[in-house]
Amino acid sequence: MRQTQIMTIEEKVDTAYKAALLSEAGDEEGYSRLIRSIPMPPYLAKIFKEKIGVEFLLNGGWDLSEAEAEFGSDWLS
């Protein structure tokens, strides 16, 4: 799991906006890379873990730093 600096809400919104612009321009790879750089909210990570599975989270390139901070470093084990 990669560690990132804490993103402010403004940074998250700005990043999501830039990702949306990439998607509108047809750059789905750029969109995916950028949107996955936004830390996944812990509640959503927990739901994905329970409903979709750990592999989805581990292999998806998601930023799980906020979930790790809330649930602990071994929460996916």
N, C-alpha and C. Protein backbone atom coordinates (compact mmCIF):
# COMPACT_ATOMS: atom_id res chain seq x y z
N MET A 1 0.84 -1.16 0.00
CA MET A 1 0.00 0.00 0.00
C MET A 1 0.90 1.24 0.00
N ARG A 2 0.60 2.18 -0.84
CA ARG A 2 1.44 3.36 -0.91
C ARG A 2 1.00 4.41 0.09
N GLN A 3 1.95 5.14 0.59
CA GLN A 3 1.67 6.22 1.52
C GLN A 3 1.75 7.55 0.78
N THR A 4 0.81 8.41 1.05
CA THR A 4 0.81 9.73 0.44
C THR A 4 0.61 10.77 1.52
N GLN A 5 0.84 12.01 1.15
CA GLN A 5 0.55 13.09 2.07
C GLN A 5 -0.96 13.26 2.16
N ILE A 6 -1.41 13.82 3.26
CA ILE A 6 -2.83 14.09 3.43
C ILE A 6 -3.26 15.13 2.40
N MET A 7 -4.34 14.83 1.69
CA MET A 7 -4.88 15.78 0.72
C MET A 7 -6.00 16.56 1.38
N THR A 8 -6.02 17.86 1.15
CA THR A 8 -7.13 18.67 1.64
C THR A 8 -8.34 18.41 0.76
N ILE A 9 -9.50 18.79 1.21
CA ILE A 9 -10.71 18.63 0.41
C ILE A 9 -10.58 19.42 -0.89
N GLU A 10 -9.95 20.59 -0.82
CA GLU A 10 -9.75 21.40 -2.02
C GLU A 10 -8.87 20.67 -3.03
N GLU A 11 -7.82 20.02 -2.54
CA GLU A 11 -6.94 19.26 -3.42
C GLU A 11 -7.67 18.06 -4.04
N LYS A 12 -8.51 17.41 -3.25
CA LYS A 12 -9.28 16.28 -3.77
C LYS A 12 -10.24 16.74 -4.86
N VAL A 13 -10.92 17.84 -4.62
CA VAL A 13 -11.87 18.37 -5.62
C VAL A 13 -11.12 18.79 -6.88
N ASP A 14 -9.99 19.46 -6.71
CA ASP A 14 -9.20 19.90 -7.86
C ASP A 14 -8.71 18.70 -8.68
N THR A 15 -8.25 17.67 -8.00
CA THR A 15 -7.77 16.47 -8.68
C THR A 15 -8.91 15.77 -9.40
N ALA A 16 -10.07 15.68 -8.76
CA ALA A 16 -11.23 15.05 -9.41
C ALA A 16 -11.66 15.85 -10.63
N TYR A 17 -11.60 17.17 -10.55
CA TYR A 17 -11.95 18.02 -11.69
C TYR A 17 -10.99 17.78 -12.86
N LYS A 18 -9.69 17.74 -12.56
CA LYS A 18 -8.70 17.48 -13.60
C LYS A 18 -8.90 16.10 -14.22
N ALA A 19 -9.25 15.12 -13.38
CA ALA A 19 -9.51 13.77 -13.90
C ALA A 19 -10.73 13.78 -14.82
N ALA A 20 -11.77 14.52 -14.44
CA ALA A 20 -12.97 14.61 -15.29
C ALA A 20 -12.64 15.24 -16.63
N LEU A 21 -11.77 16.24 -16.63
CA LEU A 21 -11.37 16.86 -17.89
C LEU A 21 -10.63 15.86 -18.78
N LEU A 22 -9.78 15.04 -18.18
CA LEU A 22 -9.08 14.01 -18.95
C LEU A 22 -10.07 13.00 -19.54
N SER A 23 -11.07 12.62 -18.77
CA SER A 23 -12.07 11.69 -19.25
C SER A 23 -12.85 12.29 -20.41
N GLU A 24 -13.25 13.54 -20.28
CA GLU A 24 -13.98 14.23 -21.35
C GLU A 24 -13.14 14.32 -22.63
N ALA A 25 -11.83 14.41 -22.46
CA ALA A 25 -10.92 14.49 -23.61
C ALA A 25 -10.61 13.11 -24.19
N GLY A 26 -11.16 12.06 -23.57
CA GLY A 26 -10.94 10.71 -24.07
C GLY A 26 -9.72 10.01 -23.50
N ASP A 27 -9.06 10.61 -22.53
CA ASP A 27 -7.87 10.02 -21.93
C ASP A 27 -8.27 9.21 -20.69
N GLU A 28 -8.79 8.00 -20.93
CA GLU A 28 -9.26 7.18 -19.82
C GLU A 28 -8.12 6.67 -18.94
N GLU A 29 -6.95 6.45 -19.54
CA GLU A 29 -5.79 6.02 -18.75
C GLU A 29 -5.37 7.13 -17.79
N GLY A 30 -5.31 8.35 -18.29
CA GLY A 30 -4.97 9.49 -17.45
C GLY A 30 -6.01 9.72 -16.38
N TYR A 31 -7.28 9.58 -16.76
CA TYR A 31 -8.37 9.72 -15.79
C TYR A 31 -8.21 8.71 -14.66
N SER A 32 -8.02 7.44 -15.04
CA SER A 32 -7.92 6.38 -14.04
C SER A 32 -6.73 6.61 -13.11
N ARG A 33 -5.59 6.97 -13.68
CA ARG A 33 -4.39 7.22 -12.86
C ARG A 33 -4.64 8.35 -11.87
N LEU A 34 -5.26 9.42 -12.33
CA LEU A 34 -5.45 10.59 -11.47
C LEU A 34 -6.53 10.34 -10.42
N ILE A 35 -7.63 9.70 -10.80
CA ILE A 35 -8.71 9.49 -9.84
C ILE A 35 -8.29 8.53 -8.74
N ARG A 36 -7.41 7.59 -9.07
CA ARG A 36 -6.94 6.64 -8.06
C ARG A 36 -5.89 7.25 -7.13
N SER A 37 -5.42 8.44 -7.48
CA SER A 37 -4.46 9.13 -6.61
C SER A 37 -5.17 9.85 -5.46
N ILE A 38 -6.48 9.98 -5.54
CA ILE A 38 -7.26 10.59 -4.46
C ILE A 38 -7.49 9.51 -3.41
N PRO A 39 -7.13 9.78 -2.15
CA PRO A 39 -7.33 8.75 -1.13
C PRO A 39 -8.78 8.29 -1.06
N MET A 40 -8.96 6.96 -1.08
CA MET A 40 -10.30 6.40 -0.97
C MET A 40 -10.79 6.61 0.46
N PRO A 41 -12.02 7.11 0.62
CA PRO A 41 -12.55 7.28 1.97
C PRO A 41 -12.60 5.94 2.71
N PRO A 42 -12.26 5.94 4.00
CA PRO A 42 -12.23 4.69 4.75
C PRO A 42 -13.53 3.90 4.70
N TYR A 43 -14.68 4.58 4.78
CA TYR A 43 -15.96 3.85 4.76
C TYR A 43 -16.13 3.11 3.43
N LEU A 44 -15.69 3.72 2.33
CA LEU A 44 -15.81 3.10 1.03
C LEU A 44 -14.82 1.93 0.89
N ALA A 45 -13.62 2.11 1.38
CA ALA A 45 -12.63 1.03 1.35
C ALA A 45 -13.14 -0.18 2.13
N LYS A 46 -13.77 0.07 3.26
CA LYS A 46 -14.31 -1.03 4.07
C LYS A 46 -15.41 -1.77 3.32
N ILE A 47 -16.30 -1.02 2.66
CA ILE A 47 -17.38 -1.64 1.88
C ILE A 47 -16.79 -2.46 0.74
N PHE A 48 -15.82 -1.89 0.01
CA PHE A 48 -15.20 -2.61 -1.10
C PHE A 48 -14.53 -3.89 -0.59
N LYS A 49 -13.87 -3.80 0.54
CA LYS A 49 -13.20 -4.99 1.10
C LYS A 49 -14.23 -6.08 1.37
N GLU A 50 -15.36 -5.70 1.97
CA GLU A 50 -16.38 -6.68 2.34
C GLU A 50 -17.15 -7.20 1.13
N LYS A 51 -17.45 -6.35 0.18
CA LYS A 51 -18.34 -6.73 -0.93
C LYS A 51 -17.60 -7.21 -2.18
N ILE A 52 -16.42 -6.64 -2.45
CA ILE A 52 -15.71 -6.98 -3.68
C ILE A 52 -14.47 -7.82 -3.39
N GLY A 53 -13.81 -7.54 -2.29
CA GLY A 53 -12.65 -8.34 -1.91
C GLY A 53 -11.36 -7.55 -1.80
N VAL A 54 -10.45 -8.11 -1.05
CA VAL A 54 -9.16 -7.50 -0.78
C VAL A 54 -8.35 -7.34 -2.06
N GLU A 55 -8.44 -8.31 -2.96
CA GLU A 55 -7.65 -8.25 -4.19
C GLU A 55 -7.97 -6.99 -5.01
N PHE A 56 -9.24 -6.63 -5.04
CA PHE A 56 -9.65 -5.42 -5.75
C PHE A 56 -8.90 -4.20 -5.23
N LEU A 57 -8.79 -4.12 -3.92
CA LEU A 57 -8.11 -2.98 -3.31
C LEU A 57 -6.61 -3.04 -3.51
N LEU A 58 -6.04 -4.22 -3.33
CA LEU A 58 -4.59 -4.36 -3.45
C LEU A 58 -4.09 -4.21 -4.88
N ASN A 59 -4.83 -4.73 -5.83
CA ASN A 59 -4.38 -4.73 -7.22
C ASN A 59 -4.87 -3.53 -8.02
N GLY A 60 -5.74 -2.72 -7.43
CA GLY A 60 -6.35 -1.63 -8.18
C GLY A 60 -5.57 -0.33 -8.24
N GLY A 61 -4.49 -0.24 -7.49
CA GLY A 61 -3.72 0.99 -7.51
C GLY A 61 -4.36 2.13 -6.74
N TRP A 62 -5.28 1.80 -5.86
CA TRP A 62 -5.99 2.81 -5.07
C TRP A 62 -5.09 3.38 -3.98
N ASP A 63 -5.29 4.65 -3.66
CA ASP A 63 -4.62 5.25 -2.51
C ASP A 63 -5.47 4.92 -1.28
N LEU A 64 -4.97 4.05 -0.45
CA LEU A 64 -5.69 3.59 0.73
C LEU A 64 -5.13 4.17 2.02
N SER A 65 -4.41 5.27 1.91
CA SER A 65 -3.74 5.85 3.07
C SER A 65 -4.72 6.28 4.17
N GLU A 66 -5.88 6.81 3.80
CA GLU A 66 -6.83 7.24 4.83
C GLU A 66 -7.45 6.04 5.54
N ALA A 67 -7.72 4.96 4.81
CA ALA A 67 -8.25 3.75 5.44
C ALA A 67 -7.21 3.14 6.37
N GLU A 68 -5.96 3.13 5.93
CA GLU A 68 -4.90 2.60 6.78
C GLU A 68 -4.74 3.43 8.05
N ALA A 69 -4.85 4.74 7.92
CA ALA A 69 -4.74 5.61 9.09
C ALA A 69 -5.89 5.36 10.07
N GLU A 70 -7.07 5.09 9.54
CA GLU A 70 -8.23 4.88 10.41
C GLU A 70 -8.30 3.47 10.99
N PHE A 71 -7.99 2.46 10.16
CA PHE A 71 -8.19 1.07 10.57
C PHE A 71 -6.91 0.37 11.01
N GLY A 72 -5.76 0.96 10.76
CA GLY A 72 -4.49 0.35 11.11
C GLY A 72 -3.82 -0.27 9.90
N SER A 73 -2.53 -0.49 10.01
CA SER A 73 -1.74 -0.94 8.85
C SER A 73 -2.07 -2.37 8.42
N ASP A 74 -2.70 -3.16 9.27
CA ASP A 74 -3.00 -4.54 8.92
C ASP A 74 -4.47 -4.78 8.59
N TRP A 75 -5.20 -3.74 8.28
CA TRP A 75 -6.65 -3.86 8.08
C TRP A 75 -7.04 -4.72 6.89
N LEU A 76 -6.14 -4.90 5.93
CA LEU A 76 -6.45 -5.74 4.78
C LEU A 76 -6.09 -7.21 4.99
N SER A 77 -5.43 -7.50 6.10
CA SER A 77 -4.98 -8.88 6.38
C SER A 77 -6.15 -9.73 6.86
